[in-house]
Amino acid sequence: MDRFSVDESGYTGADLMNNDQRFQGATAILITDDDAAALIKKHFPKLQAPELKYTSLARRASYHEPLINLQREVLANHKAVTCVVDKRYLLTLMFLDYATEPFYYERGFPFYDDGQNYAMASLLYSIAPTMMGSVPFERILMAFQKAVKEKTDESVQELIHRVRESKWEATLPEALGPIATASPECIEAIRTPGVSTDAAFVILQALISRMEVMSKGTYRVEHDRSKNLLQYNELFQSLIDYDEKLELKQTQITTMKFPLKLEQVSQVDSTDSPAIQIADVLIGCALQAGNSLAGLRDGELDPKTVFGLYGPDQFIHITPSLDFEEQKEFRKGGQTEETIRLYGKLMRK
């Protein structure tokens, strides 16, 4: 049975507005511990630390070239996938899912057809800070996040107030109007038990969509025994336990079929798993490269070099795009609505 080793970085739970962690992601790699250990020894022969950790290695300029060379060899010779998410963009998508879409659903409008929600989220994410100011838009996202978490009358009213006090009518009324007018359908969706702004499910879905393709038969997942990954462990298990026959198309190249070929998930100490240590390097480098390209902080490695190491089927990014025609073609026929409702069902269990 194949074994994928998984590690994550940037996890902040349901708080997607964390200023210090703008991006979140995870890497899955199909490699044995023996092969991983050999690669670590080859590229870092003088390493004295008990395990390979990107955050420690990146601080030393002498390790930058070995970090690039290690990734190049891993990605050229082993099946792997890395997913990186812009958390504020994802929160904007979630805002549309629960504070906008239910209004249109009730009126029979196909909100998700051909990725319209991604296009609208990209537009809102891009123009709102300019049209209404970055502070009002941040306050809306913070209030939405709080309302989803607390599900109280007070928190929902605060969200409505934040939208109404902004320049929502001049910004994008199609997106902001439903909650500005206190749509009962949207309020009900926000207060639905199990609805959360945690990004983990989105990232796992992306990883699994590729692992299902990369594995010839049944496979298992092994990940680090950390506090953050406890949530991932539960989500992996909920997807494994879903035994109904179902096929969901997400994009032109991504389809999820249930029951999954994924059969087992387990946690191990990363110090005992060279494979997880390499996954740590891959996701650590990818997030740092994302931060560098976004101008959020200087990176130790050149982001174009890092991303250039990946093949087209090895990297998934959930970030805003104003190329609406490309987005429409990529997501044409995607069953976004059915996917969201399935995950909502699993989260409420």
Foldseek 3Di string as FASTA:
>chain_A
DWEKEKDKDLFDFQDCPDLVRQKIKMKIWGDALVVLVVLCCVLPVPDDDLFFFQVVQLVDLVSQVSLLVSLLVRQVPIDMAMEMERSVLLLLLVCCVQQAVLVVVVVPHPCCALNNSLLVSLQCVPFVCPQFNPVLVVQLSVLLQVCLVPVDPVSLVSNLVSLLVTPCVVRPCNRSVRSVVPPVRSSCRSNDPLDGSGCLLVNVLLRLQLVLVVDPAAYEYEYAPDPSCVVVQLSVVLLCPPADFDWFFFWPRTIDTPPTSYHYYYHDHVSVGSSNSSRSSLNVLQSLLVCVVVVNDDGSHPSVSSVVSHDPSRYHYSDHDNPSVVSSNGGHPGPVVVVVVVSSVSSND
